[in-house]
Amino acid sequence: MSAAITGGCLCGGVRYQLTQAPVWAHNCHCSRCRKISGSAFAANLFLPREALRYLQGEDLRKSFELPEAESFSHVFCARCGSSLPFPSRQPGLVGIPMGGLDGDPDFAPRAHIFVDSKAPWFSITDALPQHPEGLGSADAARK
């Protein structure tokens, strides 16, 4: 990543900057990510927590914790509802919804996860590894 990438919410109230190169990205097809994204999957980029810097509107961040989930939360803008960076299950990492980025992070998704939960009306047509559940679940080579 040659220059810092910025991102933010739809209303412009929250702005952030990625100051280091990403370490991972994937497309998550779980039912929870489909519901929060309103789409077939959520494209998420991951980087060290210290590499995320809020430029404005950090106080507009709200979070919804799903009571029955071990570690799932949705962080969003209180004004417009846009998805925002969220704590990752991986210690020391933060997840960034790729749709909120202003530019190209020069890092594309590397895999599809939770494909056993994918929307029945969506077909995965690329050659990325597909994991039935989370990363490392069996049959990752399936296409």
N, C-alpha and C. Protein backbone atom coordinates (compact mmCIF):
# COMPACT_ATOMS: atom_id res chain seq x y z
N MET A 1 0.86 -1.17 0.00
CA MET A 1 0.00 0.00 0.00
C MET A 1 0.90 1.22 0.00
N SER A 2 0.90 1.95 -1.10
CA SER A 2 1.81 3.09 -1.22
C SER A 2 1.28 4.34 -0.51
N ALA A 3 -0.01 4.55 -0.50
CA ALA A 3 -0.59 5.71 0.17
C ALA A 3 -1.69 5.23 1.10
N ALA A 4 -1.94 5.99 2.15
CA ALA A 4 -2.99 5.64 3.09
C ALA A 4 -4.34 5.65 2.38
N ILE A 5 -5.14 4.65 2.63
CA ILE A 5 -6.48 4.55 2.05
C ILE A 5 -7.46 5.10 3.07
N THR A 6 -8.43 5.85 2.61
CA THR A 6 -9.46 6.39 3.49
C THR A 6 -10.78 5.69 3.21
N GLY A 7 -11.68 5.85 4.16
CA GLY A 7 -13.02 5.29 4.02
C GLY A 7 -13.96 6.04 4.93
N GLY A 8 -15.22 5.67 4.86
CA GLY A 8 -16.19 6.32 5.71
C GLY A 8 -17.59 5.83 5.45
N CYS A 9 -18.52 6.49 6.08
CA CYS A 9 -19.93 6.12 5.97
C CYS A 9 -20.61 6.92 4.86
N LEU A 10 -21.84 6.57 4.58
CA LEU A 10 -22.60 7.22 3.50
C LEU A 10 -22.85 8.70 3.76
N CYS A 11 -23.15 9.09 5.01
CA CYS A 11 -23.45 10.49 5.29
C CYS A 11 -22.19 11.34 5.45
N GLY A 12 -21.02 10.70 5.54
CA GLY A 12 -19.77 11.44 5.70
C GLY A 12 -19.43 11.80 7.13
N GLY A 13 -20.27 11.41 8.06
CA GLY A 13 -20.02 11.74 9.46
C GLY A 13 -18.83 11.02 10.05
N VAL A 14 -18.60 9.78 9.60
CA VAL A 14 -17.46 8.98 10.10
C VAL A 14 -16.45 8.86 8.97
N ARG A 15 -15.21 9.19 9.27
CA ARG A 15 -14.12 9.06 8.30
C ARG A 15 -12.97 8.36 9.00
N TYR A 16 -12.30 7.48 8.27
CA TYR A 16 -11.17 6.76 8.84
C TYR A 16 -10.09 6.57 7.78
N GLN A 17 -8.92 6.16 8.26
CA GLN A 17 -7.77 5.98 7.39
C GLN A 17 -7.06 4.67 7.77
N LEU A 18 -6.63 3.93 6.76
CA LEU A 18 -5.84 2.72 6.96
C LEU A 18 -4.38 3.11 6.74
N THR A 19 -3.55 2.91 7.75
CA THR A 19 -2.18 3.40 7.67
C THR A 19 -1.14 2.31 7.42
N GLN A 20 -1.59 1.07 7.35
CA GLN A 20 -0.69 -0.05 7.05
C GLN A 20 -1.36 -0.96 6.03
N ALA A 21 -0.57 -1.78 5.41
CA ALA A 21 -1.09 -2.73 4.43
C ALA A 21 -1.97 -3.78 5.11
N PRO A 22 -3.02 -4.21 4.42
CA PRO A 22 -3.87 -5.28 4.95
C PRO A 22 -3.09 -6.58 5.06
N VAL A 23 -3.59 -7.47 5.92
CA VAL A 23 -2.97 -8.79 6.08
C VAL A 23 -3.86 -9.90 5.53
N TRP A 24 -5.14 -9.62 5.31
CA TRP A 24 -6.06 -10.65 4.83
C TRP A 24 -7.34 -9.97 4.34
N ALA A 25 -8.06 -10.65 3.46
CA ALA A 25 -9.40 -10.23 3.03
C ALA A 25 -10.16 -11.46 2.59
N HIS A 26 -11.46 -11.50 2.88
CA HIS A 26 -12.30 -12.61 2.42
C HIS A 26 -13.73 -12.13 2.21
N ASN A 27 -14.48 -12.97 1.52
CA ASN A 27 -15.91 -12.75 1.33
C ASN A 27 -16.63 -13.73 2.25
N CYS A 28 -17.42 -13.19 3.18
CA CYS A 28 -18.14 -14.03 4.13
C CYS A 28 -19.59 -14.19 3.69
N HIS A 29 -20.02 -15.44 3.56
CA HIS A 29 -21.37 -15.76 3.10
C HIS A 29 -22.29 -16.20 4.23
N CYS A 30 -21.88 -16.03 5.49
CA CYS A 30 -22.74 -16.46 6.60
C CYS A 30 -24.03 -15.63 6.61
N SER A 31 -25.07 -16.18 7.20
CA SER A 31 -26.37 -15.50 7.20
C SER A 31 -26.31 -14.16 7.93
N ARG A 32 -25.47 -14.06 8.94
CA ARG A 32 -25.36 -12.80 9.69
C ARG A 32 -24.74 -11.71 8.82
N CYS A 33 -23.66 -12.04 8.13
CA CYS A 33 -23.01 -11.05 7.25
C CYS A 33 -23.92 -10.68 6.09
N ARG A 34 -24.69 -11.65 5.58
CA ARG A 34 -25.63 -11.33 4.51
C ARG A 34 -26.68 -10.34 5.00
N LYS A 35 -27.15 -10.54 6.21
CA LYS A 35 -28.19 -9.63 6.74
C LYS A 35 -27.64 -8.22 7.00
N ILE A 36 -26.43 -8.11 7.56
CA ILE A 36 -25.92 -6.75 7.83
C ILE A 36 -25.48 -6.04 6.56
N SER A 37 -25.10 -6.80 5.54
CA SER A 37 -24.66 -6.16 4.29
C SER A 37 -25.84 -5.94 3.33
N GLY A 38 -26.91 -6.71 3.52
CA GLY A 38 -28.05 -6.62 2.60
C GLY A 38 -27.68 -7.16 1.23
N SER A 39 -26.70 -8.05 1.18
CA SER A 39 -26.20 -8.56 -0.09
C SER A 39 -25.87 -10.04 0.04
N ALA A 40 -25.30 -10.61 -1.03
CA ALA A 40 -24.98 -12.03 -1.04
C ALA A 40 -23.84 -12.38 -0.09
N PHE A 41 -22.97 -11.43 0.20
CA PHE A 41 -21.85 -11.67 1.11
C PHE A 41 -21.29 -10.34 1.58
N ALA A 42 -20.44 -10.41 2.59
CA ALA A 42 -19.73 -9.23 3.07
C ALA A 42 -18.26 -9.38 2.70
N ALA A 43 -17.72 -8.39 1.99
CA ALA A 43 -16.29 -8.38 1.65
C ALA A 43 -15.57 -7.61 2.75
N ASN A 44 -14.71 -8.30 3.49
CA ASN A 44 -14.03 -7.70 4.63
C ASN A 44 -12.52 -7.80 4.50
N LEU A 45 -11.87 -6.70 4.83
CA LEU A 45 -10.42 -6.56 4.80
C LEU A 45 -9.95 -6.54 6.26
N PHE A 46 -8.79 -7.12 6.54
CA PHE A 46 -8.28 -7.16 7.91
C PHE A 46 -6.88 -6.58 7.97
N LEU A 47 -6.62 -5.82 9.03
CA LEU A 47 -5.32 -5.22 9.24
C LEU A 47 -5.09 -5.05 10.73
N PRO A 48 -3.84 -4.79 11.14
CA PRO A 48 -3.57 -4.59 12.57
C PRO A 48 -4.42 -3.45 13.13
N ARG A 49 -4.90 -3.65 14.32
CA ARG A 49 -5.78 -2.67 14.97
C ARG A 49 -5.17 -1.27 15.01
N GLU A 50 -3.85 -1.20 15.22
CA GLU A 50 -3.19 0.12 15.29
C GLU A 50 -3.09 0.79 13.93
N ALA A 51 -3.43 0.08 12.86
CA ALA A 51 -3.37 0.65 11.51
C ALA A 51 -4.66 1.36 11.11
N LEU A 52 -5.65 1.37 11.99
CA LEU A 52 -6.91 2.09 11.74
C LEU A 52 -6.89 3.37 12.55
N ARG A 53 -7.06 4.49 11.85
CA ARG A 53 -7.09 5.79 12.51
C ARG A 53 -8.38 6.51 12.14
N TYR A 54 -9.16 6.91 13.13
CA TYR A 54 -10.37 7.69 12.85
C TYR A 54 -10.00 9.14 12.63
N LEU A 55 -10.52 9.71 11.57
CA LEU A 55 -10.26 11.12 11.24
C LEU A 55 -11.36 12.01 11.79
N GLN A 56 -12.59 11.46 11.85
CA GLN A 56 -13.72 12.20 12.42
C GLN A 56 -14.87 11.24 12.68
N GLY A 57 -15.75 11.65 13.57
CA GLY A 57 -17.00 10.94 13.80
C GLY A 57 -16.93 9.66 14.60
N GLU A 58 -15.82 9.43 15.28
CA GLU A 58 -15.72 8.19 16.06
C GLU A 58 -16.86 8.07 17.07
N ASP A 59 -17.36 9.21 17.54
CA ASP A 59 -18.47 9.22 18.49
C ASP A 59 -19.80 8.81 17.85
N LEU A 60 -19.87 8.76 16.53
CA LEU A 60 -21.09 8.33 15.84
C LEU A 60 -21.17 6.81 15.70
N ARG A 61 -20.12 6.10 16.08
CA ARG A 61 -20.10 4.65 15.98
C ARG A 61 -21.04 4.03 17.00
N LYS A 62 -21.88 3.14 16.54
CA LYS A 62 -22.76 2.36 17.41
C LYS A 62 -22.50 0.89 17.11
N SER A 63 -22.87 0.05 18.06
CA SER A 63 -22.62 -1.37 17.90
C SER A 63 -23.84 -2.18 18.33
N PHE A 64 -24.11 -3.21 17.57
CA PHE A 64 -25.16 -4.16 17.93
C PHE A 64 -24.49 -5.50 18.21
N GLU A 65 -24.67 -6.00 19.41
CA GLU A 65 -24.11 -7.30 19.81
C GLU A 65 -25.24 -8.32 19.73
N LEU A 66 -25.03 -9.37 18.98
CA LEU A 66 -26.01 -10.44 18.87
C LEU A 66 -25.89 -11.31 20.12
N PRO A 67 -26.92 -11.35 20.98
CA PRO A 67 -26.81 -12.03 22.27
C PRO A 67 -26.39 -13.50 22.18
N GLU A 68 -26.89 -14.23 21.20
CA GLU A 68 -26.59 -15.65 21.13
C GLU A 68 -25.26 -15.97 20.42
N ALA A 69 -24.61 -14.96 19.90
CA ALA A 69 -23.35 -15.18 19.18
C ALA A 69 -22.15 -15.07 20.11
N GLU A 70 -21.19 -15.96 19.90
CA GLU A 70 -19.98 -15.96 20.72
C GLU A 70 -19.16 -14.70 20.49
N SER A 71 -19.01 -14.31 19.24
CA SER A 71 -18.22 -13.11 18.95
C SER A 71 -18.68 -12.49 17.63
N PHE A 72 -19.83 -11.88 17.67
CA PHE A 72 -20.34 -11.21 16.48
C PHE A 72 -20.94 -9.88 16.89
N SER A 73 -20.50 -8.84 16.24
CA SER A 73 -21.11 -7.53 16.46
C SER A 73 -21.14 -6.79 15.13
N HIS A 74 -22.06 -5.89 15.03
CA HIS A 74 -22.16 -5.05 13.84
C HIS A 74 -21.94 -3.62 14.29
N VAL A 75 -20.92 -2.98 13.73
CA VAL A 75 -20.62 -1.59 14.05
C VAL A 75 -21.12 -0.75 12.88
N PHE A 76 -21.81 0.33 13.20
CA PHE A 76 -22.45 1.13 12.15
C PHE A 76 -22.52 2.60 12.57
N CYS A 77 -22.77 3.46 11.59
CA CYS A 77 -22.93 4.88 11.84
C CYS A 77 -24.33 5.14 12.41
N ALA A 78 -24.40 5.89 13.51
CA ALA A 78 -25.68 6.19 14.14
C ALA A 78 -26.57 7.06 13.27
N ARG A 79 -25.99 7.82 12.35
CA ARG A 79 -26.79 8.70 11.47
C ARG A 79 -27.34 7.98 10.26
N CYS A 80 -26.47 7.27 9.53
CA CYS A 80 -26.91 6.70 8.24
C CYS A 80 -26.97 5.18 8.21
N GLY A 81 -26.44 4.51 9.23
CA GLY A 81 -26.51 3.05 9.30
C GLY A 81 -25.43 2.31 8.54
N SER A 82 -24.51 3.02 7.89
CA SER A 82 -23.45 2.35 7.13
C SER A 82 -22.59 1.47 8.04
N SER A 83 -22.17 0.32 7.51
CA SER A 83 -21.25 -0.56 8.23
C SER A 83 -19.90 0.11 8.38
N LEU A 84 -19.29 -0.08 9.54
CA LEU A 84 -18.01 0.54 9.87
C LEU A 84 -17.02 -0.52 10.36
N PRO A 85 -15.74 -0.16 10.49
CA PRO A 85 -14.75 -1.11 11.00
C PRO A 85 -15.21 -1.75 12.31
N PHE A 86 -14.84 -3.02 12.46
CA PHE A 86 -15.32 -3.81 13.59
C PHE A 86 -14.17 -4.64 14.19
N PRO A 87 -14.28 -5.00 15.47
CA PRO A 87 -13.25 -5.84 16.08
C PRO A 87 -13.26 -7.22 15.42
N SER A 88 -12.10 -7.74 15.13
CA SER A 88 -11.99 -9.07 14.52
C SER A 88 -11.93 -10.14 15.59
N ARG A 89 -12.30 -11.36 15.21
CA ARG A 89 -12.14 -12.50 16.11
C ARG A 89 -10.66 -12.79 16.34
N GLN A 90 -9.84 -12.43 15.36
CA GLN A 90 -8.39 -12.62 15.48
C GLN A 90 -7.82 -11.51 16.35
N PRO A 91 -7.16 -11.85 17.44
CA PRO A 91 -6.60 -10.83 18.33
C PRO A 91 -5.66 -9.88 17.59
N GLY A 92 -5.81 -8.60 17.88
CA GLY A 92 -4.94 -7.59 17.30
C GLY A 92 -5.33 -7.12 15.93
N LEU A 93 -6.41 -7.67 15.37
CA LEU A 93 -6.85 -7.26 14.03
C LEU A 93 -8.19 -6.54 14.09
N VAL A 94 -8.42 -5.72 13.09
CA VAL A 94 -9.70 -5.05 12.91
C VAL A 94 -10.20 -5.37 11.51
N GLY A 95 -11.52 -5.55 11.39
CA GLY A 95 -12.13 -5.81 10.09
C GLY A 95 -12.66 -4.51 9.49
N ILE A 96 -12.47 -4.38 8.20
CA ILE A 96 -12.91 -3.19 7.48
C ILE A 96 -13.88 -3.62 6.38
N PRO A 97 -15.13 -3.16 6.41
CA PRO A 97 -16.02 -3.46 5.29
C PRO A 97 -15.47 -2.80 4.03
N MET A 98 -15.13 -3.60 3.03
CA MET A 98 -14.45 -3.07 1.84
C MET A 98 -15.31 -2.09 1.05
N GLY A 99 -16.61 -2.19 1.14
CA GLY A 99 -17.49 -1.27 0.44
C GLY A 99 -17.42 0.15 0.96
N GLY A 100 -16.88 0.35 2.15
CA GLY A 100 -16.75 1.68 2.72
C GLY A 100 -15.46 2.39 2.37
N LEU A 101 -14.58 1.71 1.63
CA LEU A 101 -13.30 2.33 1.27
C LEU A 101 -13.46 3.27 0.08
N ASP A 102 -12.71 4.36 0.10
CA ASP A 102 -12.76 5.35 -0.99
C ASP A 102 -11.92 4.94 -2.19
N GLY A 103 -10.87 4.19 -1.95
CA GLY A 103 -9.96 3.82 -3.03
C GLY A 103 -9.66 2.34 -3.02
N ASP A 104 -8.72 1.97 -3.85
CA ASP A 104 -8.32 0.58 -3.99
C ASP A 104 -7.24 0.25 -2.96
N PRO A 105 -7.50 -0.69 -2.05
CA PRO A 105 -6.48 -1.04 -1.06
C PRO A 105 -5.37 -1.92 -1.65
N ASP A 106 -5.49 -2.24 -2.92
CA ASP A 106 -4.51 -3.09 -3.60
C ASP A 106 -4.38 -4.43 -2.90
N PHE A 107 -5.51 -4.95 -2.43
CA PHE A 107 -5.54 -6.23 -1.73
C PHE A 107 -6.94 -6.80 -1.92
N ALA A 108 -7.07 -7.81 -2.73
CA ALA A 108 -8.36 -8.41 -3.04
C ALA A 108 -8.67 -9.57 -2.08
N PRO A 109 -9.94 -9.93 -1.95
CA PRO A 109 -10.28 -11.10 -1.13
C PRO A 109 -9.51 -12.33 -1.59
N ARG A 110 -9.14 -13.16 -0.61
CA ARG A 110 -8.33 -14.36 -0.86
C ARG A 110 -9.13 -15.65 -0.77
N ALA A 111 -10.36 -15.58 -0.24
CA ALA A 111 -11.17 -16.79 -0.05
C ALA A 111 -12.63 -16.42 0.16
N HIS A 112 -13.48 -17.43 0.05
CA HIS A 112 -14.89 -17.34 0.43
C HIS A 112 -15.05 -18.20 1.67
N ILE A 113 -15.73 -17.66 2.70
CA ILE A 113 -15.97 -18.45 3.91
C ILE A 113 -17.47 -18.59 4.14
N PHE A 114 -17.82 -19.61 4.90
CA PHE A 114 -19.21 -19.97 5.21
C PHE A 114 -20.05 -20.16 3.94
N VAL A 115 -19.46 -20.83 2.96
CA VAL A 115 -20.19 -21.04 1.71
C VAL A 115 -21.35 -22.02 1.87
N ASP A 116 -21.33 -22.85 2.91
CA ASP A 116 -22.49 -23.72 3.15
C ASP A 116 -23.73 -22.92 3.55
N SER A 117 -23.52 -21.64 3.93
CA SER A 117 -24.64 -20.76 4.31
C SER A 117 -24.96 -19.74 3.22
N LYS A 118 -24.32 -19.83 2.07
CA LYS A 118 -24.49 -18.80 1.05
C LYS A 118 -25.95 -18.72 0.57
N ALA A 119 -26.29 -17.56 0.06
CA ALA A 119 -27.63 -17.35 -0.48
C ALA A 119 -27.88 -18.32 -1.64
N PRO A 120 -29.00 -19.00 -1.66
CA PRO A 120 -29.27 -19.98 -2.71
C PRO A 120 -29.36 -19.35 -4.11
N TRP A 121 -29.61 -18.08 -4.18
CA TRP A 121 -29.75 -17.40 -5.47
C TRP A 121 -28.43 -16.85 -6.00
N PHE A 122 -27.34 -17.05 -5.25
CA PHE A 122 -26.03 -16.53 -5.66
C PHE A 122 -25.10 -17.67 -6.02
N SER A 123 -24.36 -17.50 -7.11
CA SER A 123 -23.35 -18.48 -7.53
C SER A 123 -21.97 -17.86 -7.43
N ILE A 124 -21.06 -18.58 -6.80
CA ILE A 124 -19.66 -18.15 -6.73
C ILE A 124 -19.01 -18.59 -8.04
N THR A 125 -18.47 -17.65 -8.78
CA THR A 125 -17.94 -17.96 -10.11
C THR A 125 -16.44 -17.75 -10.24
N ASP A 126 -15.78 -17.32 -9.17
CA ASP A 126 -14.33 -17.11 -9.26
C ASP A 126 -13.60 -18.37 -8.78
N ALA A 127 -12.29 -18.33 -8.84
CA ALA A 127 -11.48 -19.50 -8.49
C ALA A 127 -10.91 -19.44 -7.07
N LEU A 128 -11.38 -18.51 -6.24
CA LEU A 128 -10.88 -18.43 -4.87
C LEU A 128 -11.26 -19.68 -4.08
N PRO A 129 -10.44 -20.07 -3.11
CA PRO A 129 -10.79 -21.21 -2.25
C PRO A 129 -12.12 -20.96 -1.55
N GLN A 130 -12.89 -22.02 -1.40
CA GLN A 130 -14.18 -21.94 -0.73
C GLN A 130 -14.15 -22.81 0.52
N HIS A 131 -14.48 -22.20 1.65
CA HIS A 131 -14.50 -22.91 2.93
C HIS A 131 -15.95 -23.09 3.36
N PRO A 132 -16.38 -24.32 3.65
CA PRO A 132 -17.77 -24.55 4.06
C PRO A 132 -18.19 -23.70 5.25
N GLU A 133 -17.27 -23.55 6.20
CA GLU A 133 -17.51 -22.71 7.37
C GLU A 133 -16.39 -21.67 7.42
N GLY A 134 -15.78 -21.48 8.58
CA GLY A 134 -14.71 -20.50 8.70
C GLY A 134 -13.44 -20.95 7.99
N LEU A 135 -12.46 -20.07 7.98
CA LEU A 135 -11.17 -20.40 7.36
C LEU A 135 -10.62 -21.69 7.95
N GLY A 136 -10.11 -22.54 7.09
CA GLY A 136 -9.53 -23.78 7.53
C GLY A 136 -10.51 -24.93 7.65
N SER A 137 -11.80 -24.67 7.42
CA SER A 137 -12.74 -25.77 7.49
C SER A 137 -12.52 -26.70 6.30
N ALA A 138 -12.92 -27.90 6.42
CA ALA A 138 -12.67 -28.96 5.43
C ALA A 138 -13.17 -28.58 4.05
N ASP A 139 -12.54 -29.18 3.06
CA ASP A 139 -12.97 -29.07 1.66
C ASP A 139 -12.78 -27.68 1.08
N ALA A 140 -11.73 -26.98 1.51
CA ALA A 140 -11.48 -25.61 1.06
C ALA A 140 -11.19 -25.51 -0.43
N ALA A 141 -10.80 -26.57 -1.05
CA ALA A 141 -10.47 -26.52 -2.48
C ALA A 141 -11.71 -26.59 -3.36
N ARG A 142 -12.85 -26.87 -2.77
CA ARG A 142 -14.09 -27.01 -3.53
C ARG A 142 -14.37 -25.74 -4.34
N LYS A 143 -14.82 -25.91 -5.53
CA LYS A 143 -15.15 -24.76 -6.39
C LYS A 143 -16.62 -24.83 -6.76
